[in-house]
Amino acid sequence: MASSLSIQLRPVWRFRNGEERELDASLLVLLEAIEHSGKLTAAARSAGISHRHAWNLIERWSALLDAPLVTVARGRGTRLSVLGAKLLWAGRRAYARLAPELENLAAELADSLYDPVATDVPVLRLQASHDFTLAGLRELAGKSRRVTLDLRYRGSAEALAALREGRCDIAGFHVSEGAHGVAPASRYAEALGERHRLVWIARRTQGLIVAPGNPKSLHGVRDLAGRGVRFINRQRDSGTRILLDQLLAEAGVPAGAVHGYGAEEYTHASVAAHVASGLADVGLGIRAAARQFHLGFVPLATERYFLALHEDLLATTQGELLLGLIRCDAFHDMVAEFYGEGPHSTGHVTRLADTPPWNSLLRAARP
């Protein structure tokens, strides 16, 4: 069993320019607040520091980087300079890229320290494709003090393989609705048996994440092969990568024609951060990631996100606790915040044989 000990890891930024200095994390918080409010006083308050400390931070780092981080103009307040905006976006991109891996490493470290800090709180091991609601579900579990959710981010296929092999208790994955879901559903069914159950989490929309206003006029995967279009991909075996390959095959676009097909990221947020910071023109991801970074979005497919687990787990105390958290108002509010008020069926439990497209696949397989 994993530990209920919680560990948080954070990256350290060290700059050298005649002297070595470690970045104060509050600087990035301050820059983000300045971008949002346009006022240093309000930004300092939001960052939890004094106005004087905020200004000293900005002056000190402007001097080290040999350029101002903000501009101040009468009647226009305080704004980020070009360098300040770049530094802020570098922080956002680093967080989006590293957060899942740091969370995985922190969980593994907590596991290694388990014996000295063992508790009676039951632990459920969840391996899952990235979804914005899962971190919130883990937080709700921690606050309950009745069950701990040991969350590790994996691709959909990898998570289901771990469930089949007994390396986790729950697997999180997504599958497209309609014809696009048939092939991955058939593949995922190899890891799922008659006694597995699917817990519905949310309905999500996948599409092209593009710069605001869609300046490259990208409207489908055929446009990814256009000259001057830089793409950022998801990792192999992720559900999003499987969908992309399907869409490219249907459009007759070879992967080699997409500039950036081999550049991989591990979360929707990281893909969106690449586009927002100008490192890529487009990526495939969910609408919630585009909205988080104030980007444009071209919808291509609707999908459902599930948690898969064995029916025996649902009959245990920890399984009942987990299902209660998924069905509580706080979690439903999270789903609505990220994915809108649509018909998500959050918390509904189904058998594979009763869930499209598996029901039609299973019927077709019968002699």
Protein backbone atom coordinates (compact mmCIF):
# COMPACT_ATOMS: atom_id res chain seq x y z
CA MET A 1 0.00 0.00 0.00
CA ALA A 2 1.20 3.52 -0.75
CA SER A 3 1.69 6.18 1.88
CA SER A 4 -0.73 8.94 2.87
CA LEU A 5 2.29 11.22 3.32
CA SER A 6 2.08 14.23 1.03
CA ILE A 7 5.26 15.66 -0.51
CA GLN A 8 5.51 18.62 -2.88
CA LEU A 9 8.49 19.13 -5.21
CA ARG A 10 9.22 22.41 -6.95
CA PRO A 11 11.78 23.29 -9.63
CA VAL A 12 14.57 25.70 -8.75
CA TRP A 13 15.59 28.42 -11.25
CA ARG A 14 19.21 29.60 -11.01
CA PHE A 15 20.42 32.51 -13.11
CA ARG A 16 24.06 33.41 -13.76
CA ASN A 17 25.01 36.80 -15.14
CA GLY A 18 28.17 37.80 -13.36
CA GLU A 19 26.55 36.50 -10.19
CA GLU A 20 24.40 33.47 -9.40
CA ARG A 21 20.94 34.01 -8.05
CA GLU A 22 18.00 31.72 -7.33
CA LEU A 23 14.67 32.96 -8.61
CA ASP A 24 12.23 34.02 -5.91
CA ALA A 25 9.00 32.14 -6.73
CA SER A 26 6.99 35.16 -5.62
CA LEU A 27 8.37 37.09 -8.62
CA LEU A 28 6.42 34.92 -11.08
CA VAL A 29 3.30 35.25 -8.92
CA LEU A 30 3.81 39.02 -8.91
CA LEU A 31 4.28 39.21 -12.70
CA GLU A 32 1.11 37.20 -13.27
CA ALA A 33 -0.81 39.50 -10.95
CA ILE A 34 0.55 42.56 -12.77
CA GLU A 35 -0.56 41.10 -16.08
CA HIS A 36 -4.02 40.57 -14.64
CA SER A 37 -4.53 43.85 -12.77
CA GLY A 38 -2.18 46.35 -14.41
CA LYS A 39 -1.48 47.86 -10.99
CA LEU A 40 1.55 47.17 -8.83
CA THR A 41 -0.23 47.80 -5.53
CA ALA A 42 -3.03 45.36 -6.34
CA ALA A 43 -0.53 42.85 -7.73
CA ALA A 44 1.60 42.99 -4.57
CA ARG A 45 -1.49 42.43 -2.44
CA SER A 46 -2.48 39.46 -4.62
CA ALA A 47 1.04 38.01 -4.32
CA GLY A 48 0.95 38.39 -0.54
CA ILE A 49 3.91 40.79 -0.33
CA SER A 50 4.35 44.46 0.44
CA HIS A 51 4.45 47.14 -2.26
CA ARG A 52 8.05 47.91 -1.32
CA HIS A 53 9.12 44.26 -1.53
CA ALA A 54 7.37 43.93 -4.89
CA TRP A 55 9.20 46.91 -6.33
CA ASN A 56 12.54 45.72 -4.92
CA LEU A 57 11.99 42.31 -6.55
CA ILE A 58 11.32 43.89 -9.91
CA GLU A 59 14.31 46.26 -9.71
CA ARG A 60 16.69 43.52 -8.54
CA TRP A 61 15.76 41.10 -11.32
CA SER A 62 15.62 43.82 -13.96
CA ALA A 63 19.22 44.69 -13.06
CA LEU A 64 20.35 41.04 -13.20
CA LEU A 65 18.67 40.45 -16.58
CA ASP A 66 19.85 43.79 -18.00
CA ALA A 67 16.36 44.85 -19.06
CA PRO A 68 13.20 46.11 -17.33
CA LEU A 69 10.53 43.57 -16.37
CA VAL A 70 7.75 46.18 -16.27
CA THR A 71 6.92 49.56 -17.71
CA VAL A 72 5.16 52.29 -15.71
CA ALA A 73 3.24 55.05 -17.47
CA ARG A 74 1.05 57.78 -16.00
CA GLY A 75 -2.61 56.90 -16.51
CA ARG A 76 -1.78 53.41 -17.81
CA GLY A 77 -0.56 51.76 -14.65
CA THR A 78 2.09 49.05 -14.58
CA ARG A 79 2.51 46.64 -17.48
CA LEU A 80 4.85 43.80 -18.25
CA SER A 81 7.70 44.58 -20.59
CA VAL A 82 8.59 42.20 -23.41
CA LEU A 83 11.13 40.51 -21.12
CA GLY A 84 8.67 40.38 -18.22
CA ALA A 85 6.06 38.70 -20.42
CA LYS A 86 8.64 36.20 -21.69
CA LEU A 87 9.74 35.36 -18.15
CA LEU A 88 6.14 34.85 -17.05
CA TRP A 89 5.40 32.59 -20.02
CA ALA A 90 8.57 30.62 -19.36
CA GLY A 91 7.31 30.01 -15.84
CA ARG A 92 3.88 28.94 -17.05
CA ARG A 93 5.38 26.61 -19.63
CA ALA A 94 7.77 25.07 -17.11
CA TYR A 95 4.95 24.51 -14.64
CA ALA A 96 2.65 22.99 -17.26
CA ARG A 97 5.38 20.65 -18.45
CA LEU A 98 6.92 19.67 -15.11
CA ALA A 99 3.96 19.61 -12.72
CA PRO A 100 2.72 16.09 -13.60
CA GLU A 101 6.23 14.63 -13.50
CA LEU A 102 7.03 16.34 -10.21
CA GLU A 103 3.77 15.03 -8.77
CA ASN A 104 4.69 11.52 -9.92
CA LEU A 105 8.17 11.80 -8.37
CA ALA A 106 6.75 13.20 -5.13
CA ALA A 107 4.34 10.26 -4.88
CA GLU A 108 7.18 7.79 -5.50
CA LEU A 109 9.26 9.50 -2.80
CA ALA A 110 6.34 9.27 -0.38
CA ASP A 111 6.11 5.55 -1.20
CA SER A 112 9.78 5.06 -0.34
CA LEU A 113 9.19 6.66 3.07
CA TYR A 114 6.01 4.69 3.75
CA ASP A 115 7.05 2.43 6.65
CA PRO A 116 8.02 5.18 9.12
CA VAL A 117 4.85 7.19 8.49
CA ALA A 118 2.26 4.49 7.84
CA THR A 119 -1.30 5.45 8.74
CA ASP A 120 -4.65 3.72 8.83
CA VAL A 121 -6.02 5.88 5.99
CA PRO A 122 -6.71 3.58 2.98
CA VAL A 123 -4.87 4.44 -0.23
CA LEU A 124 -6.16 3.99 -3.76
CA ARG A 125 -3.61 3.93 -6.56
CA LEU A 126 -4.79 5.89 -9.60
CA GLN A 127 -2.88 5.94 -12.88
CA ALA A 128 -4.54 8.23 -15.37
CA SER A 129 -4.34 10.19 -18.55
CA HIS A 130 -4.16 13.88 -17.73
CA ASP A 131 -7.44 15.54 -16.81
CA PHE A 132 -7.85 18.85 -15.01
CA THR A 133 -10.35 17.47 -12.48
CA LEU A 134 -8.12 14.71 -11.10
CA ALA A 135 -5.87 16.96 -9.01
CA GLY A 136 -9.04 18.39 -7.47
CA LEU A 137 -10.36 14.91 -6.76
CA ARG A 138 -7.09 14.04 -5.02
CA GLU A 139 -7.36 17.22 -2.95
CA LEU A 140 -10.92 16.38 -1.94
CA ALA A 141 -9.77 12.91 -0.90
CA GLY A 142 -6.99 14.41 1.22
CA LYS A 143 -9.35 16.83 2.92
CA SER A 144 -11.72 13.99 3.76
CA ARG A 145 -8.95 12.26 5.78
CA ARG A 146 -10.76 9.01 5.04
CA VAL A 147 -9.07 7.92 1.81
CA THR A 148 -5.88 8.93 -0.01
CA LEU A 149 -5.64 9.07 -3.79
CA ASP A 150 -2.14 8.18 -5.04
CA LEU A 151 -2.28 9.83 -8.47
CA ARG A 152 0.26 9.14 -11.25
CA TYR A 153 -0.16 10.60 -14.72
CA ARG A 154 0.18 8.13 -17.61
CA GLY A 155 -1.16 7.77 -21.14
CA SER A 156 -4.58 6.13 -21.44
CA ALA A 157 -3.21 2.85 -22.81
CA GLU A 158 -0.42 2.75 -20.21
CA ALA A 159 -2.86 3.40 -17.36
CA LEU A 160 -5.17 0.59 -18.47
CA ALA A 161 -2.21 -1.77 -18.85
CA ALA A 162 -1.25 -0.97 -15.24
CA LEU A 163 -4.81 -1.81 -14.14
CA ARG A 164 -4.70 -5.13 -15.97
CA GLU A 165 -1.34 -6.00 -14.40
CA GLY A 166 -2.42 -5.01 -10.88
CA ARG A 167 -0.04 -2.05 -10.61
CA CYS A 168 -2.90 0.31 -9.82
CA ASP A 169 -6.44 0.14 -8.46
CA ILE A 170 -8.02 2.65 -10.86
CA ALA A 171 -7.19 3.74 -14.41
CA GLY A 172 -8.25 7.04 -15.95
CA PHE A 173 -8.67 7.20 -19.72
CA HIS A 174 -10.71 8.87 -22.44
CA VAL A 175 -12.35 7.66 -25.62
CA SER A 176 -13.96 9.58 -28.47
CA GLU A 177 -17.64 9.36 -29.19
CA GLY A 178 -18.79 8.01 -32.54
CA ALA A 179 -16.64 6.33 -35.16
CA HIS A 180 -13.37 7.77 -33.81
CA GLY A 181 -13.85 5.86 -30.57
CA VAL A 182 -14.19 2.38 -32.06
CA ALA A 183 -10.50 1.60 -32.64
CA PRO A 184 -9.20 2.84 -29.26
CA ALA A 185 -12.16 1.24 -27.45
CA SER A 186 -11.28 -2.09 -29.03
CA ARG A 187 -7.69 -1.66 -27.89
CA TYR A 188 -8.68 -0.61 -24.37
CA ALA A 189 -11.07 -3.56 -24.04
CA GLU A 190 -8.03 -5.86 -23.92
CA ALA A 191 -7.33 -4.51 -20.42
CA LEU A 192 -10.94 -4.60 -19.25
CA GLY A 193 -13.03 -7.62 -18.30
CA GLU A 194 -16.67 -8.34 -17.47
CA ARG A 195 -16.11 -7.49 -13.80
CA HIS A 196 -14.59 -4.08 -14.45
CA ARG A 197 -16.78 -1.01 -14.09
CA LEU A 198 -16.54 2.40 -15.70
CA VAL A 199 -17.20 5.54 -13.65
CA TRP A 200 -18.14 8.50 -15.85
CA ILE A 201 -16.22 11.69 -15.08
CA ALA A 202 -16.83 14.23 -17.86
CA ARG A 203 -17.57 14.89 -21.49
CA ARG A 204 -14.74 16.86 -23.11
CA THR A 205 -14.07 18.43 -26.50
CA GLN A 206 -10.81 17.81 -28.34
CA GLY A 207 -9.62 20.16 -31.03
CA LEU A 208 -6.89 22.40 -32.38
CA ILE A 209 -5.43 24.78 -29.80
CA VAL A 210 -4.37 27.89 -31.71
CA ALA A 211 -3.25 31.46 -31.05
CA PRO A 212 -6.00 34.01 -30.30
CA GLY A 213 -7.87 34.87 -33.48
CA ASN A 214 -6.43 31.80 -35.26
CA PRO A 215 -3.94 33.84 -37.31
CA LYS A 216 -2.77 30.80 -39.32
CA SER A 217 -6.39 29.99 -40.33
CA LEU A 218 -6.14 26.40 -39.11
CA HIS A 219 -9.48 24.59 -39.37
CA GLY A 220 -8.60 20.89 -39.55
CA VAL A 221 -5.73 18.42 -39.52
CA ARG A 222 -5.08 18.94 -43.25
CA ASP A 223 -3.91 22.45 -42.36
CA LEU A 224 -1.20 21.02 -40.08
CA ALA A 225 0.85 20.15 -43.17
CA GLY A 226 0.88 23.76 -44.31
CA ARG A 227 4.14 25.60 -44.78
CA GLY A 228 5.28 27.52 -41.73
CA VAL A 229 2.91 25.70 -39.34
CA ARG A 230 4.65 24.47 -36.17
CA PHE A 231 2.87 21.67 -34.34
CA ILE A 232 3.33 20.39 -30.78
CA ASN A 233 2.29 16.75 -30.22
CA ARG A 234 1.29 14.58 -27.27
CA GLN A 235 3.25 11.47 -26.24
CA ARG A 236 2.84 8.09 -27.89
CA ASP A 237 0.01 5.94 -26.43
CA SER A 238 -1.84 8.96 -25.07
CA GLY A 239 -5.50 9.06 -26.08
CA THR A 240 -4.97 12.42 -27.79
CA ARG A 241 -2.09 11.04 -29.87
CA ILE A 242 -4.23 8.05 -30.89
CA LEU A 243 -6.99 10.45 -31.99
CA LEU A 244 -4.51 12.61 -33.92
CA ASP A 245 -3.15 9.62 -35.83
CA GLN A 246 -6.70 8.58 -36.73
CA LEU A 247 -7.57 12.05 -37.98
CA LEU A 248 -4.36 12.31 -40.02
CA ALA A 249 -4.97 8.90 -41.61
CA GLU A 250 -8.55 9.85 -42.52
CA ALA A 251 -7.33 13.11 -44.07
CA GLY A 252 -4.55 11.36 -45.99
CA VAL A 253 -1.86 13.44 -44.27
CA PRO A 254 1.38 11.54 -43.51
CA ALA A 255 2.83 12.20 -40.06
CA GLY A 256 6.11 13.24 -41.65
CA ALA A 257 4.35 16.16 -43.34
CA VAL A 258 3.49 17.72 -39.97
CA HIS A 259 6.34 19.92 -38.78
CA GLY A 260 6.73 19.14 -35.07
CA TYR A 261 5.00 15.75 -35.06
CA GLY A 262 7.98 14.31 -33.15
CA ALA A 263 7.91 17.07 -30.49
CA GLU A 264 6.01 15.59 -27.52
CA GLU A 265 4.43 16.97 -24.38
CA TYR A 266 2.66 15.05 -21.63
CA THR A 267 -0.34 17.21 -20.74
CA HIS A 268 -2.96 19.34 -22.45
CA ALA A 269 -1.78 22.29 -20.37
CA SER A 270 1.78 21.95 -21.62
CA VAL A 271 0.58 21.86 -25.24
CA ALA A 272 -1.45 25.01 -24.63
CA ALA A 273 1.50 26.71 -22.91
CA HIS A 274 3.68 26.04 -25.96
CA VAL A 275 1.14 27.71 -28.22
CA ALA A 276 0.59 30.61 -25.82
CA SER A 277 4.31 31.33 -25.58
CA GLY A 278 4.80 31.24 -29.35
CA LEU A 279 6.92 28.07 -29.43
CA ALA A 280 4.26 26.36 -31.54
CA ASP A 281 1.38 27.53 -33.71
CA VAL A 282 -0.98 24.69 -32.92
CA GLY A 283 -1.47 21.54 -30.88
CA LEU A 284 -4.25 19.04 -30.33
CA GLY A 285 -5.86 19.19 -26.89
CA ILE A 286 -9.02 19.84 -24.92
CA ARG A 287 -10.97 23.08 -24.90
CA ALA A 288 -10.34 23.59 -21.16
CA ALA A 289 -6.58 23.89 -21.79
CA ALA A 290 -7.12 26.49 -24.52
CA ARG A 291 -9.40 28.47 -22.22
CA GLN A 292 -6.90 28.32 -19.36
CA PHE A 293 -4.31 30.10 -21.52
CA HIS A 294 -6.80 32.42 -23.31
CA LEU A 295 -6.21 30.76 -26.69
CA GLY A 296 -8.33 30.00 -29.74
CA PHE A 297 -9.91 26.59 -30.23
CA VAL A 298 -11.20 24.64 -33.24
CA PRO A 299 -13.38 21.68 -32.09
CA LEU A 300 -12.78 18.35 -33.84
CA ALA A 301 -14.16 15.57 -31.61
CA THR A 302 -16.19 14.96 -28.45
CA GLU A 303 -14.96 12.38 -25.97
CA ARG A 304 -15.79 10.91 -22.57
CA TYR A 305 -13.40 10.55 -19.67
CA PHE A 306 -13.78 7.47 -17.45
CA LEU A 307 -12.25 5.89 -14.41
CA ALA A 308 -12.01 2.09 -14.73
CA LEU A 309 -11.90 -0.17 -11.67
CA HIS A 310 -12.87 -3.68 -10.58
CA GLU A 311 -16.39 -4.17 -9.24
CA ASP A 312 -14.96 -5.64 -6.02
CA LEU A 313 -13.36 -2.28 -5.23
CA LEU A 314 -16.73 -0.55 -5.41
CA ALA A 315 -17.96 -2.85 -2.64
CA THR A 316 -15.17 -1.80 -0.26
CA THR A 317 -15.21 1.16 2.14
CA GLN A 318 -12.53 3.02 0.16
CA GLY A 319 -14.39 2.40 -3.09
CA GLU A 320 -17.59 3.79 -1.60
CA LEU A 321 -15.68 6.80 -0.29
CA LEU A 322 -14.18 7.48 -3.72
CA LEU A 323 -17.54 7.24 -5.45
CA GLY A 324 -19.03 9.56 -2.84
CA LEU A 325 -16.35 12.17 -3.60
CA ILE A 326 -16.98 11.90 -7.34
CA ARG A 327 -20.70 12.39 -6.76
CA CYS A 328 -20.38 15.28 -4.30
CA ASP A 329 -21.33 18.84 -5.23
CA ALA A 330 -17.75 20.12 -4.91
CA PHE A 331 -16.47 17.72 -7.56
CA HIS A 332 -19.43 18.36 -9.86
CA ASP A 333 -18.63 22.07 -9.56
CA MET A 334 -15.05 21.33 -10.70
CA VAL A 335 -16.33 19.43 -13.74
CA ALA A 336 -18.65 22.31 -14.62
CA GLU A 337 -15.85 24.84 -14.16
CA PHE A 338 -13.54 23.07 -16.59
CA TYR A 339 -16.01 21.57 -19.07
CA GLY A 340 -19.21 23.59 -18.78
CA GLU A 341 -22.63 22.54 -17.55
CA GLY A 342 -23.11 19.87 -20.23
CA PRO A 343 -24.54 16.36 -19.70
CA HIS A 344 -21.48 14.80 -18.07
CA SER A 345 -23.14 11.89 -16.16
CA THR A 346 -20.44 12.39 -13.52
CA GLY A 347 -20.40 9.53 -11.02
CA HIS A 348 -22.60 7.21 -13.10
CA VAL A 349 -21.30 3.61 -12.98
CA THR A 350 -21.72 1.31 -15.98
CA ARG A 351 -20.61 -2.08 -17.19
CA LEU A 352 -18.54 -2.33 -20.37
CA ALA A 353 -21.38 -4.24 -22.03
CA ASP A 354 -23.75 -1.29 -21.43
CA THR A 355 -21.42 1.51 -22.52
CA PRO A 356 -20.97 2.70 -26.14
CA PRO A 357 -18.96 1.86 -28.19
CA TRP A 358 -17.99 -1.26 -26.23
CA ASN A 359 -21.54 -2.59 -26.22
CA SER A 360 -21.61 -2.80 -30.03
CA LEU A 361 -18.08 -4.24 -30.13
CA LEU A 362 -19.00 -6.96 -27.64
CA ARG A 363 -22.18 -7.83 -29.50
CA ALA A 364 -20.26 -8.10 -32.76
CA ALA A 365 -17.71 -10.41 -31.09
CA ARG A 366 -20.34 -12.90 -29.95
CA PRO A 367 -20.59 -16.07 -32.09
